[in-house]
Amino acid sequence: MKIAVLPGDGIGPEITAEAVKVLDALGEKFEMEEASVGGAGYEAQGHLLPEATLKLAKEADAILFGAVGDWKCDKLERALRPEQAILGLRKHLQNCSRTSVRRSAIRN
């Protein structure tokens, strides 16, 4: 199973790192690949949802999404704020070509 690991920004990388430890502890074979998204994507590549991140998400069997919405980006115009990344991801994946798509969200 290929998992796209998208830590995001703010507390996202910390949360995602712990979630990856849990997945590793299961003893299953997961292929995990990380990509930037949200404020981290904006800082690294100038876009909230870089093309490489979107490509990875489309090719993955599952997505482990951390968090977006770093306060450091609050002064950006609305279209460039990190939370737009999750909305863009959902938009691009809503017509996913996979025969079976299951969405799950776990929050604490």
C-alpha atoms as a PDB file:
ATOM      1  CA  MET A   1       0.000   0.000   0.000  1.00  0.00           C
ATOM      2  CA  LYS A   2       1.382   3.386  -1.008  1.00  0.00           C
ATOM      3  CA  ILE A   3       0.708   6.208   1.450  1.00  0.00           C
ATOM      4  CA  ALA A   4       1.238   9.858   0.585  1.00  0.00           C
ATOM      5  CA  VAL A   5       2.444  11.521   3.787  1.00  0.00           C
ATOM      6  CA  LEU A   6       1.561  15.213   3.726  1.00  0.00           C
ATOM      7  CA  PRO A   7       2.658  16.744   7.060  1.00  0.00           C
ATOM      8  CA  GLY A   8       1.575  20.289   6.239  1.00  0.00           C
ATOM      9  CA  ASP A   9       2.603  23.113   8.548  1.00  0.00           C
ATOM     10  CA  GLY A  10       2.230  24.293  12.122  1.00  0.00           C
ATOM     11  CA  ILE A  11       1.776  21.225  14.338  1.00  0.00           C
ATOM     12  CA  GLY A  12       1.192  18.981  11.306  1.00  0.00           C
ATOM     13  CA  PRO A  13       4.764  17.641  10.953  1.00  0.00           C
ATOM     14  CA  GLU A  14       4.890  16.671  14.640  1.00  0.00           C
ATOM     15  CA  ILE A  15       1.523  14.895  14.496  1.00  0.00           C
ATOM     16  CA  THR A  16       2.343  13.157  11.230  1.00  0.00           C
ATOM     17  CA  ALA A  17       5.711  11.910  12.530  1.00  0.00           C
ATOM     18  CA  GLU A  18       3.912  10.220  15.443  1.00  0.00           C
ATOM     19  CA  ALA A  19       1.271   8.746  13.128  1.00  0.00           C
ATOM     20  CA  VAL A  20       4.028   7.273  10.940  1.00  0.00           C
ATOM     21  CA  LYS A  21       5.538   5.644  14.061  1.00  0.00           C
ATOM     22  CA  VAL A  22       2.157   4.023  14.753  1.00  0.00           C
ATOM     23  CA  LEU A  23       1.935   2.722  11.187  1.00  0.00           C
ATOM     24  CA  ASP A  24       5.482   1.362  11.429  1.00  0.00           C
ATOM     25  CA  ALA A  25       4.613  -0.401  14.698  1.00  0.00           C
ATOM     26  CA  LEU A  26       1.834  -2.332  12.956  1.00  0.00           C
ATOM     27  CA  GLY A  27       4.436  -4.444  11.220  1.00  0.00           C
ATOM     28  CA  GLU A  28       2.742  -4.045   7.841  1.00  0.00           C
ATOM     29  CA  LYS A  29       4.611  -3.139   4.671  1.00  0.00           C
ATOM     30  CA  PHE A  30       3.695   0.409   3.708  1.00  0.00           C
ATOM     31  CA  GLU A  31       5.416   2.419   1.021  1.00  0.00           C
ATOM     32  CA  MET A  32       5.401   5.954   2.416  1.00  0.00           C
ATOM     33  CA  GLU A  33       6.409   9.023   0.451  1.00  0.00           C
ATOM     34  CA  GLU A  34       6.367  12.528   1.894  1.00  0.00           C
ATOM     35  CA  ALA A  35       5.551  15.782   0.114  1.00  0.00           C
ATOM     36  CA  SER A  36       5.017  19.392   1.140  1.00  0.00           C
ATOM     37  CA  VAL A  37       1.602  21.013   1.357  1.00  0.00           C
ATOM     38  CA  GLY A  38       0.044  24.134   2.889  1.00  0.00           C
ATOM     39  CA  GLY A  39       2.399  26.723   4.341  1.00  0.00           C
ATOM     40  CA  ALA A  40       5.315  24.306   3.979  1.00  0.00           C
ATOM     41  CA  GLY A  41       4.506  23.900   0.284  1.00  0.00           C
ATOM     42  CA  TYR A  42       4.222  27.658  -0.140  1.00  0.00           C
ATOM     43  CA  GLU A  43       7.571  28.267   1.565  1.00  0.00           C
ATOM     44  CA  ALA A  44       9.364  25.471  -0.305  1.00  0.00           C
ATOM     45  CA  GLN A  45       7.825  25.756  -3.764  1.00  0.00           C
ATOM     46  CA  GLY A  46       5.693  28.895  -3.872  1.00  0.00           C
ATOM     47  CA  HIS A  47       2.414  26.974  -4.004  1.00  0.00           C
ATOM     48  CA  LEU A  48       0.075  25.597  -1.330  1.00  0.00           C
ATOM     49  CA  LEU A  49      -0.514  22.415  -3.276  1.00  0.00           C
ATOM     50  CA  PRO A  50       2.568  21.855  -5.440  1.00  0.00           C
ATOM     51  CA  GLU A  51       2.059  19.831  -8.618  1.00  0.00           C
ATOM     52  CA  ALA A  52       4.370  17.065  -7.348  1.00  0.00           C
ATOM     53  CA  THR A  53       2.295  16.782  -4.151  1.00  0.00           C
ATOM     54  CA  LEU A  54      -0.944  16.544  -6.107  1.00  0.00           C
ATOM     55  CA  LYS A  55       0.564  13.896  -8.408  1.00  0.00           C
ATOM     56  CA  LEU A  56       1.703  11.850  -5.401  1.00  0.00           C
ATOM     57  CA  ALA A  57      -1.742  12.119  -3.774  1.00  0.00           C
ATOM     58  CA  LYS A  58      -3.453  10.930  -6.960  1.00  0.00           C
ATOM     59  CA  GLU A  59      -1.118   7.936  -7.268  1.00  0.00           C
ATOM     60  CA  ALA A  60      -1.334   6.903  -3.601  1.00  0.00           C
ATOM     61  CA  ASP A  61      -3.679   4.338  -2.095  1.00  0.00           C
ATOM     62  CA  ALA A  62      -4.070   6.501   1.013  1.00  0.00           C
ATOM     63  CA  ILE A  63      -3.176   9.979   2.246  1.00  0.00           C
ATOM     64  CA  LEU A  64      -1.926  10.787   5.726  1.00  0.00           C
ATOM     65  CA  PHE A  65      -2.617  14.511   6.056  1.00  0.00           C
ATOM     66  CA  GLY A  66      -1.210  16.418   9.024  1.00  0.00           C
ATOM     67  CA  ALA A  67      -2.496  19.955   9.516  1.00  0.00           C
ATOM     68  CA  VAL A  68      -2.461  23.268   7.683  1.00  0.00           C
ATOM     69  CA  GLY A  69      -3.179  26.815   8.768  1.00  0.00           C
ATOM     70  CA  ASP A  70       0.116  28.111  10.159  1.00  0.00           C
ATOM     71  CA  TRP A  71      -0.340  31.547  11.731  1.00  0.00           C
ATOM     72  CA  LYS A  72       2.763  32.771   9.861  1.00  0.00           C
ATOM     73  CA  CYS A  73       0.640  32.753   6.702  1.00  0.00           C
ATOM     74  CA  ASP A  74      -2.279  34.743   8.145  1.00  0.00           C
ATOM     75  CA  LYS A  75      -1.272  37.887   6.265  1.00  0.00           C
ATOM     76  CA  LEU A  76      -1.385  36.211   2.878  1.00  0.00           C
ATOM     77  CA  GLU A  77      -4.410  36.845   0.714  1.00  0.00           C
ATOM     78  CA  ARG A  78      -7.136  34.250   1.225  1.00  0.00           C
ATOM     79  CA  ALA A  79      -6.394  32.274  -1.932  1.00  0.00           C
ATOM     80  CA  LEU A  80      -2.814  31.736  -0.732  1.00  0.00           C
ATOM     81  CA  ARG A  81      -3.551  30.680   2.852  1.00  0.00           C
ATOM     82  CA  PRO A  82      -2.502  27.140   3.816  1.00  0.00           C
ATOM     83  CA  GLU A  83      -6.024  25.892   4.501  1.00  0.00           C
ATOM     84  CA  GLN A  84      -6.766  26.304   0.786  1.00  0.00           C
ATOM     85  CA  ALA A  85      -4.449  23.330   0.193  1.00  0.00           C
ATOM     86  CA  ILE A  86      -6.837  20.804   1.754  1.00  0.00           C
ATOM     87  CA  LEU A  87      -9.727  22.289  -0.196  1.00  0.00           C
ATOM     88  CA  GLY A  88      -7.730  22.043  -3.410  1.00  0.00           C
ATOM     89  CA  LEU A  89      -6.751  18.476  -2.652  1.00  0.00           C
ATOM     90  CA  ARG A  90     -10.356  17.487  -2.016  1.00  0.00           C
ATOM     91  CA  LYS A  91     -11.431  19.199  -5.246  1.00  0.00           C
ATOM     92  CA  HIS A  92      -8.830  17.384  -7.336  1.00  0.00           C
ATOM     93  CA  LEU A  93      -9.596  14.008  -5.775  1.00  0.00           C
ATOM     94  CA  GLN A  94     -13.404  14.178  -5.805  1.00  0.00           C
ATOM     95  CA  ASN A  95     -13.561  12.547  -9.232  1.00  0.00           C
ATOM     96  CA  CYS A  96     -10.847  10.032  -8.475  1.00  0.00           C
ATOM     97  CA  SER A  97     -10.687   7.298 -11.103  1.00  0.00           C
ATOM     98  CA  ARG A  98     -10.298   4.529  -8.522  1.00  0.00           C
ATOM     99  CA  THR A  99     -13.181   2.097  -8.432  1.00  0.00           C
ATOM    100  CA  SER A 100     -13.460   2.323  -4.667  1.00  0.00           C
ATOM    101  CA  VAL A 101     -12.693   5.381  -2.577  1.00  0.00           C
ATOM    102  CA  ARG A 102     -13.136   5.455   1.160  1.00  0.00           C
ATOM    103  CA  ARG A 103     -12.673   8.687   3.064  1.00  0.00           C
ATOM    104  CA  SER A 104     -11.794   8.725   6.711  1.00  0.00           C
ATOM    105  CA  ALA A 105     -10.830  11.497   9.075  1.00  0.00           C
ATOM    106  CA  ILE A 106      -9.501  10.990  12.551  1.00  0.00           C
ATOM    107  CA  ARG A 107      -9.088  14.014  14.760  1.00  0.00           C
ATOM    108  CA  ASN A 108      -8.173  14.387  18.369  1.00  0.00           C
END
